[in-house]
PDB file of N, CA and C in Angstrom:
ATOM      1  N   MET A   1     159.875  56.505 -96.863  1.00  0.00           N
ATOM      2  CA  MET A   1     159.664  56.054 -98.215  1.00  0.00           C
ATOM      3  C   MET A   1     158.419  56.745 -98.755  1.00  0.00           C
ATOM      4  N   ALA A   2     158.571  57.398 -99.886  1.00  0.00           N
ATOM      5  CA  ALA A   2     157.455  58.111-100.492  1.00  0.00           C
ATOM      6  C   ALA A   2     156.857  57.273-101.615  1.00  0.00           C
ATOM      7  N   PHE A   3     155.542  57.241-101.667  1.00  0.00           N
ATOM      8  CA  PHE A   3     154.849  56.495-102.708  1.00  0.00           C
ATOM      9  C   PHE A   3     154.113  57.490-103.591  1.00  0.00           C
ATOM     10  N   GLY A   4     154.239  57.309-104.904  1.00  0.00           N
ATOM     11  CA  GLY A   4     153.563  58.177-105.852  1.00  0.00           C
ATOM     12  C   GLY A   4     152.174  57.679-106.178  1.00  0.00           C
ATOM     13  N   ASP A   5     151.468  58.508-106.942  1.00  0.00           N
ATOM     14  CA  ASP A   5     150.101  58.152-107.333  1.00  0.00           C
ATOM     15  C   ASP A   5     150.056  56.854-108.135  1.00  0.00           C
ATOM     16  N   SER A   6     151.099  56.581-108.923  1.00  0.00           N
ATOM     17  CA  SER A   6     151.091  55.354-109.727  1.00  0.00           C
ATOM     18  C   SER A   6     151.111  54.116-108.828  1.00  0.00           C
ATOM     19  N   PHE A   7     151.815  54.202-107.713  1.00  0.00           N
ATOM     20  CA  PHE A   7     151.841  53.100-106.756  1.00  0.00           C
ATOM     21  C   PHE A   7     150.440  52.853-106.204  1.00  0.00           C
ATOM     22  N   PHE A   8     149.791  53.930-105.767  1.00  0.00           N
ATOM     23  CA  PHE A   8     148.451  53.797-105.190  1.00  0.00           C
ATOM     24  C   PHE A   8     147.442  53.302-106.226  1.00  0.00           C
ATOM     25  N   LYS A   9     147.595  53.722-107.478  1.00  0.00           N
ATOM     26  CA  LYS A   9     146.685  53.244-108.523  1.00  0.00           C
ATOM     27  C   LYS A   9     146.853  51.743-108.735  1.00  0.00           C
ATOM     28  N   ARG A  10     148.092  51.259-108.716  1.00  0.00           N
ATOM     29  CA  ARG A  10     148.314  49.820-108.875  1.00  0.00           C
ATOM     30  C   ARG A  10     147.722  49.045-107.707  1.00  0.00           C
ATOM     31  N   VAL A  11     147.895  49.567-106.490  1.00  0.00           N
ATOM     32  CA  VAL A  11     147.331  48.898-105.314  1.00  0.00           C
ATOM     33  C   VAL A  11     145.808  48.887-105.412  1.00  0.00           C
ATOM     34  N   GLU A  12     145.234  50.019-105.779  1.00  0.00           N
ATOM     35  CA  GLU A  12     143.773  50.095-105.871  1.00  0.00           C
ATOM     36  C   GLU A  12     143.226  49.147-106.944  1.00  0.00           C
ATOM     37  N   GLU A  13     143.900  49.065-108.085  1.00  0.00           N
ATOM     38  CA  GLU A  13     143.461  48.157-109.137  1.00  0.00           C
ATOM     39  C   GLU A  13     143.489  46.707-108.663  1.00  0.00           C
ATOM     40  N   LYS A  14     144.502  46.379-107.907  1.00  0.00           N
ATOM     41  CA  LYS A  14     144.673  44.996-107.474  1.00  0.00           C
ATOM     42  C   LYS A  14     143.790  44.640-106.280  1.00  0.00           C
ATOM     43  N   THR A  15     143.558  45.597-105.379  1.00  0.00           N
ATOM     44  CA  THR A  15     142.867  45.291-104.129  1.00  0.00           C
ATOM     45  C   THR A  15     141.498  45.937-103.997  1.00  0.00           C
ATOM     46  N   LYS A  16     141.217  46.942-104.810  1.00  0.00           N
ATOM     47  CA  LYS A  16     139.978  47.739-104.716  1.00  0.00           C
ATOM     48  C   LYS A  16     139.937  48.573-103.432  1.00  0.00           C
ATOM     49  N   VAL A  17     141.103  48.833-102.835  1.00  0.00           N
ATOM     50  CA  VAL A  17     141.222  49.686-101.650  1.00  0.00           C
ATOM     51  C   VAL A  17     141.819  51.009-102.112  1.00  0.00           C
ATOM     52  N   ASP A  18     141.116  52.126-101.838  1.00  0.00           N
ATOM     53  CA  ASP A  18     141.570  53.410-102.357  1.00  0.00           C
ATOM     54  C   ASP A  18     142.696  54.032-101.513  1.00  0.00           C
ATOM     55  N   LYS A  19     143.316  55.047-102.102  1.00  0.00           N
ATOM     56  CA  LYS A  19     144.468  55.717-101.499  1.00  0.00           C
ATOM     57  C   LYS A  19     144.156  56.248-100.104  1.00  0.00           C
ATOM     58  N   ASP A  20     143.016  56.888 -99.937  1.00  0.00           N
ATOM     59  CA  ASP A  20     142.665  57.468 -98.633  1.00  0.00           C
ATOM     60  C   ASP A  20     142.562  56.394 -97.549  1.00  0.00           C
ATOM     61  N   THR A  21     142.018  55.258 -97.903  1.00  0.00           N
ATOM     62  CA  THR A  21     141.898  54.158 -96.945  1.00  0.00           C
ATOM     63  C   THR A  21     143.278  53.615 -96.586  1.00  0.00           C
ATOM     64  N   ILE A  22     144.127  53.471 -97.578  1.00  0.00           N
ATOM     65  CA  ILE A  22     145.493  53.003 -97.337  1.00  0.00           C
ATOM     66  C   ILE A  22     146.225  53.965 -96.405  1.00  0.00           C
ATOM     67  N   LEU A  23     146.107  55.249 -96.677  1.00  0.00           N
ATOM     68  CA  LEU A  23     146.777  56.252 -95.846  1.00  0.00           C
ATOM     69  C   LEU A  23     146.204  56.265 -94.426  1.00  0.00           C
ATOM     70  N   SER A  24     144.909  56.035 -94.312  1.00  0.00           N
ATOM     71  CA  SER A  24     144.271  55.981 -92.991  1.00  0.00           C
ATOM     72  C   SER A  24     144.803  54.798 -92.176  1.00  0.00           C
ATOM     73  N   LEU A  25     144.923  53.646 -92.825  1.00  0.00           N
ATOM     74  CA  LEU A  25     145.465  52.468 -92.139  1.00  0.00           C
ATOM     75  C   LEU A  25     146.933  52.672 -91.779  1.00  0.00           C
ATOM     76  N   ALA A  26     147.679  53.320 -92.672  1.00  0.00           N
ATOM     77  CA  ALA A  26     149.096  53.600 -92.391  1.00  0.00           C
ATOM     78  C   ALA A  26     149.221  54.538 -91.194  1.00  0.00           C
ATOM     79  N   ALA A  27     148.341  55.528 -91.105  1.00  0.00           N
ATOM     80  CA  ALA A  27     148.365  56.450 -89.964  1.00  0.00           C
ATOM     81  C   ALA A  27     148.064  55.706 -88.675  1.00  0.00           C
ATOM     82  N   LYS A  28     147.129  54.775 -88.731  1.00  0.00           N
ATOM     83  CA  LYS A  28     146.779  53.974 -87.546  1.00  0.00           C
ATOM     84  C   LYS A  28     148.006  53.199 -87.065  1.00  0.00           C
ATOM     85  N   LEU A  29     148.735  52.611 -88.000  1.00  0.00           N
ATOM     86  CA  LEU A  29     149.943  51.873 -87.631  1.00  0.00           C
ATOM     87  C   LEU A  29     151.016  52.807 -87.086  1.00  0.00           C
ATOM     88  N   ARG A  30     151.136  53.974 -87.692  1.00  0.00           N
ATOM     89  CA  ARG A  30     152.144  54.945 -87.267  1.00  0.00           C
ATOM     90  C   ARG A  30     151.839  55.462 -85.856  1.00  0.00           C
ATOM     91  N   GLU A  31     150.565  55.659 -85.556  1.00  0.00           N
ATOM     92  CA  GLU A  31     150.159  56.181 -84.248  1.00  0.00           C
ATOM     93  C   GLU A  31     150.310  55.150 -83.138  1.00  0.00           C
ATOM     94  N   ASN A  32     150.290  53.888 -83.504  1.00  0.00           N
ATOM     95  CA  ASN A  32     150.411  52.808 -82.536  1.00  0.00           C
ATOM     96  C   ASN A  32     151.726  52.074 -82.763  1.00  0.00           C
ATOM     97  N   ASP A  33     152.009  51.136 -81.929  1.00  0.00           N
ATOM     98  CA  ASP A  33     153.191  50.308 -82.083  1.00  0.00           C
ATOM     99  C   ASP A  33     152.962  49.359 -83.251  1.00  0.00           C
ATOM    100  N   MET A  34     153.792  49.441 -84.285  1.00  0.00           N
ATOM    101  CA  MET A  34     153.609  48.614 -85.475  1.00  0.00           C
ATOM    102  C   MET A  34     153.775  47.127 -85.180  1.00  0.00           C
ATOM    103  N   LYS A  35     154.285  46.797 -84.025  1.00  0.00           N
ATOM    104  CA  LYS A  35     154.449  45.392 -83.680  1.00  0.00           C
ATOM    105  C   LYS A  35     153.445  44.953 -82.622  1.00  0.00           C
ATOM    106  N   ASN A  36     152.506  45.844 -82.314  1.00  0.00           N
ATOM    107  CA  ASN A  36     151.465  45.517 -81.348  1.00  0.00           C
ATOM    108  C   ASN A  36     150.480  44.545 -81.986  1.00  0.00           C
ATOM    109  N   GLU A  37     150.337  43.393 -81.378  1.00  0.00           N
ATOM    110  CA  GLU A  37     149.494  42.338 -81.946  1.00  0.00           C
ATOM    111  C   GLU A  37     148.053  42.788 -82.168  1.00  0.00           C
ATOM    112  N   GLY A  38     147.488  43.505 -81.213  1.00  0.00           N
ATOM    113  CA  GLY A  38     146.103  43.962 -81.339  1.00  0.00           C
ATOM    114  C   GLY A  38     145.917  44.898 -82.516  1.00  0.00           C
ATOM    115  N   THR A  39     146.829  45.842 -82.673  1.00  0.00           N
ATOM    116  CA  THR A  39     146.756  46.784 -83.790  1.00  0.00           C
ATOM    117  C   THR A  39     146.899  46.048 -85.113  1.00  0.00           C
ATOM    118  N   LEU A  40     147.861  45.131 -85.173  1.00  0.00           N
ATOM    119  CA  LEU A  40     148.079  44.378 -86.407  1.00  0.00           C
ATOM    120  C   LEU A  40     146.851  43.548 -86.771  1.00  0.00           C
ATOM    121  N   ARG A  41     146.261  42.891 -85.790  1.00  0.00           N
ATOM    122  CA  ARG A  41     145.059  42.082 -86.068  1.00  0.00           C
ATOM    123  C   ARG A  41     143.926  42.968 -86.594  1.00  0.00           C
ATOM    124  N   GLU A  42     143.776  44.134 -85.991  1.00  0.00           N
ATOM    125  CA  GLU A  42     142.721  45.057 -86.418  1.00  0.00           C
ATOM    126  C   GLU A  42     142.926  45.493 -87.869  1.00  0.00           C
ATOM    127  N   VAL A  43     144.158  45.824 -88.221  1.00  0.00           N
ATOM    128  CA  VAL A  43     144.460  46.262 -89.584  1.00  0.00           C
ATOM    129  C   VAL A  43     144.275  45.105 -90.570  1.00  0.00           C
ATOM    130  N   ILE A  44     144.745  43.920 -90.217  1.00  0.00           N
ATOM    131  CA  ILE A  44     144.588  42.751 -91.091  1.00  0.00           C
ATOM    132  C   ILE A  44     143.108  42.462 -91.317  1.00  0.00           C
ATOM    133  N   GLN A  45     142.315  42.503 -90.269  1.00  0.00           N
ATOM    134  CA  GLN A  45     140.878  42.238 -90.395  1.00  0.00           C
ATOM    135  C   GLN A  45     140.184  43.319 -91.219  1.00  0.00           C
ATOM    136  N   SER A  46     140.603  44.573 -91.055  1.00  0.00           N
ATOM    137  CA  SER A  46     140.032  45.666 -91.851  1.00  0.00           C
ATOM    138  C   SER A  46     140.340  45.460 -93.331  1.00  0.00           C
ATOM    139  N   LEU A  47     141.587  45.123 -93.628  1.00  0.00           N
ATOM    140  CA  LEU A  47     141.969  44.888 -95.019  1.00  0.00           C
ATOM    141  C   LEU A  47     141.234  43.684 -95.599  1.00  0.00           C
ATOM    142  N   SER A  48     141.052  42.663 -94.793  1.00  0.00           N
ATOM    143  CA  SER A  48     140.336  41.477 -95.226  1.00  0.00           C
ATOM    144  C   SER A  48     138.915  41.828 -95.644  1.00  0.00           C
ATOM    145  N   LYS A  49     138.246  42.622 -94.824  1.00  0.00           N
ATOM    146  CA  LYS A  49     136.869  43.036 -95.134  1.00  0.00           C
ATOM    147  C   LYS A  49     136.822  43.909 -96.376  1.00  0.00           C
ATOM    148  N   MET A  50     137.768  44.850 -96.476  1.00  0.00           N
ATOM    149  CA  MET A  50     137.773  45.778 -97.605  1.00  0.00           C
ATOM    150  C   MET A  50     138.006  45.071 -98.939  1.00  0.00           C
ATOM    151  N   THR A  51     138.859  44.063 -98.916  1.00  0.00           N
ATOM    152  CA  THR A  51     139.211  43.375-100.157  1.00  0.00           C
ATOM    153  C   THR A  51     138.319  42.182-100.438  1.00  0.00           C
ATOM    154  N   GLY A  52     137.507  41.798 -99.451  1.00  0.00           N
ATOM    155  CA  GLY A  52     136.630  40.652 -99.635  1.00  0.00           C
ATOM    156  C   GLY A  52     137.366  39.325 -99.612  1.00  0.00           C
ATOM    157  N   LYS A  53     138.548  39.326 -99.038  1.00  0.00           N
ATOM    158  CA  LYS A  53     139.352  38.098 -98.962  1.00  0.00           C
ATOM    159  C   LYS A  53     139.417  37.631 -97.523  1.00  0.00           C
ATOM    160  N   ASP A  54     139.043  36.384 -97.313  1.00  0.00           N
ATOM    161  CA  ASP A  54     139.095  35.823 -95.971  1.00  0.00           C
ATOM    162  C   ASP A  54     140.535  35.530 -95.577  1.00  0.00           C
ATOM    163  N   VAL A  55     140.855  35.852 -94.345  1.00  0.00           N
ATOM    164  CA  VAL A  55     142.173  35.549 -93.791  1.00  0.00           C
ATOM    165  C   VAL A  55     141.931  34.645 -92.586  1.00  0.00           C
ATOM    166  N   SER A  56     142.429  33.430 -92.684  1.00  0.00           N
ATOM    167  CA  SER A  56     142.239  32.476 -91.587  1.00  0.00           C
ATOM    168  C   SER A  56     143.047  32.926 -90.372  1.00  0.00           C
ATOM    169  N   LYS A  57     142.672  32.408 -89.224  1.00  0.00           N
ATOM    170  CA  LYS A  57     143.402  32.709 -87.986  1.00  0.00           C
ATOM    171  C   LYS A  57     144.863  32.292 -88.134  1.00  0.00           C
ATOM    172  N   GLU A  58     145.090  31.157 -88.766  1.00  0.00           N
ATOM    173  CA  GLU A  58     146.454  30.666 -88.971  1.00  0.00           C
ATOM    174  C   GLU A  58     147.268  31.629 -89.842  1.00  0.00           C
ATOM    175  N   LYS A  59     146.667  32.106 -90.919  1.00  0.00           N
ATOM    176  CA  LYS A  59     147.358  33.026 -91.813  1.00  0.00           C
ATOM    177  C   LYS A  59     147.600  34.363 -91.103  1.00  0.00           C
ATOM    178  N   GLU A  60     146.609  34.822 -90.352  1.00  0.00           N
ATOM    179  CA  GLU A  60     146.750  36.056 -89.583  1.00  0.00           C
ATOM    180  C   GLU A  60     147.925  35.926 -88.607  1.00  0.00           C
ATOM    181  N   ASP A  61     148.013  34.797 -87.926  1.00  0.00           N
ATOM    182  CA  ASP A  61     149.121  34.553 -86.996  1.00  0.00           C
ATOM    183  C   ASP A  61     150.467  34.600 -87.714  1.00  0.00           C
ATOM    184  N   LYS A  62     150.527  34.014 -88.914  1.00  0.00           N
ATOM    185  CA  LYS A  62     151.780  34.014 -89.681  1.00  0.00           C
ATOM    186  C   LYS A  62     152.166  35.419 -90.122  1.00  0.00           C
ATOM    187  N   ILE A  63     151.188  36.212 -90.533  1.00  0.00           N
ATOM    188  CA  ILE A  63     151.454  37.591 -90.942  1.00  0.00           C
ATOM    189  C   ILE A  63     152.005  38.383 -89.757  1.00  0.00           C
ATOM    190  N   ILE A  64     151.359  38.249 -88.611  1.00  0.00           N
ATOM    191  CA  ILE A  64     151.790  38.969 -87.408  1.00  0.00           C
ATOM    192  C   ILE A  64     153.195  38.536 -87.000  1.00  0.00           C
ATOM    193  N   GLU A  65     153.441  37.249 -87.036  1.00  0.00           N
ATOM    194  CA  GLU A  65     154.766  36.740 -86.675  1.00  0.00           C
ATOM    195  C   GLU A  65     155.834  37.310 -87.616  1.00  0.00           C
ATOM    196  N   ALA A  66     155.537  37.351 -88.917  1.00  0.00           N
ATOM    197  CA  ALA A  66     156.488  37.883 -89.893  1.00  0.00           C
ATOM    198  C   ALA A  66     156.782  39.359 -89.619  1.00  0.00           C
ATOM    199  N   ILE A  67     155.747  40.131 -89.317  1.00  0.00           N
ATOM    200  CA  ILE A  67     155.935  41.558 -89.034  1.00  0.00           C
ATOM    201  C   ILE A  67     156.731  41.748 -87.750  1.00  0.00           C
ATOM    202  N   GLN A  68     156.374  41.027 -86.710  1.00  0.00           N
ATOM    203  CA  GLN A  68     157.051  41.177 -85.428  1.00  0.00           C
ATOM    204  C   GLN A  68     158.503  40.723 -85.474  1.00  0.00           C
ATOM    205  N   ASN A  69     158.829  39.811 -86.390  1.00  0.00           N
ATOM    206  CA  ASN A  69     160.200  39.310 -86.502  1.00  0.00           C
ATOM    207  C   ASN A  69     160.962  39.933 -87.673  1.00  0.00           C
ATOM    208  N   ASP A  70     160.438  41.058 -88.196  1.00  0.00           N
ATOM    209  CA  ASP A  70     161.071  41.797 -89.298  1.00  0.00           C
ATOM    210  C   ASP A  70     161.357  40.917 -90.515  1.00  0.00           C
ATOM    211  N   LYS A  71     160.406  40.073 -90.865  1.00  0.00           N
ATOM    212  CA  LYS A  71     160.564  39.192 -92.023  1.00  0.00           C
ATOM    213  C   LYS A  71     159.692  39.651 -93.188  1.00  0.00           C
ATOM    214  N   VAL A  72     159.388  40.946 -93.227  1.00  0.00           N
ATOM    215  CA  VAL A  72     158.570  41.513 -94.289  1.00  0.00           C
ATOM    216  C   VAL A  72     159.512  42.096 -95.337  1.00  0.00           C
ATOM    217  N   PRO A  73     159.263  41.824 -96.630  1.00  0.00           N
ATOM    218  CA  PRO A  73     160.129  42.401 -97.668  1.00  0.00           C
ATOM    219  C   PRO A  73     160.183  43.920 -97.561  1.00  0.00           C
ATOM    220  N   LYS A  74     161.346  44.483 -97.748  1.00  0.00           N
ATOM    221  CA  LYS A  74     161.525  45.940 -97.630  1.00  0.00           C
ATOM    222  C   LYS A  74     161.074  46.675 -98.878  1.00  0.00           C
ATOM    223  N   ASP A  75     161.112  46.018-100.038  1.00  0.00           N
ATOM    224  CA  ASP A  75     160.736  46.658-101.294  1.00  0.00           C
ATOM    225  C   ASP A  75     159.285  46.346-101.608  1.00  0.00           C
ATOM    226  N   ILE A  76     158.378  47.102-101.015  1.00  0.00           N
ATOM    227  CA  ILE A  76     156.947  46.882-101.183  1.00  0.00           C
ATOM    228  C   ILE A  76     156.518  47.050-102.634  1.00  0.00           C
ATOM    229  N   ASP A  77     157.168  47.975-103.362  1.00  0.00           N
ATOM    230  CA  ASP A  77     156.792  48.244-104.744  1.00  0.00           C
ATOM    231  C   ASP A  77     156.894  46.989-105.612  1.00  0.00           C
ATOM    232  N   LYS A  78     157.834  46.105-105.343  1.00  0.00           N
ATOM    233  CA  LYS A  78     157.985  44.890-106.133  1.00  0.00           C
ATOM    234  C   LYS A  78     156.902  43.862-105.802  1.00  0.00           C
ATOM    235  N   MET A  79     156.242  44.018-104.664  1.00  0.00           N
ATOM    236  CA  MET A  79     155.195  43.077-104.268  1.00  0.00           C
ATOM    237  C   MET A  79     153.892  43.331-105.022  1.00  0.00           C
ATOM    238  N   ILE A  80     153.731  44.526-105.569  1.00  0.00           N
ATOM    239  CA  ILE A  80     152.479  44.922-106.221  1.00  0.00           C
ATOM    240  C   ILE A  80     152.497  44.566-107.677  1.00  0.00           C
TER     241      ILE A  80
END
């Protein structure tokens, strides 16, 4: 799935996370097992710090469970 500059601009406006950071995190996931709990926790915590939004342990667990059980929406563009 290819994302254009307009997608990244919308994400950056909403989250204050720039394109290079997003691509860096995506590469980290691509290089590792996307369902690896440790990798997922690291990425979630990184995003939490970057956006200034706290993610509780409970919410982090729910996010990881959703990813590991393929319960993540496939159309990311509609989420933004």
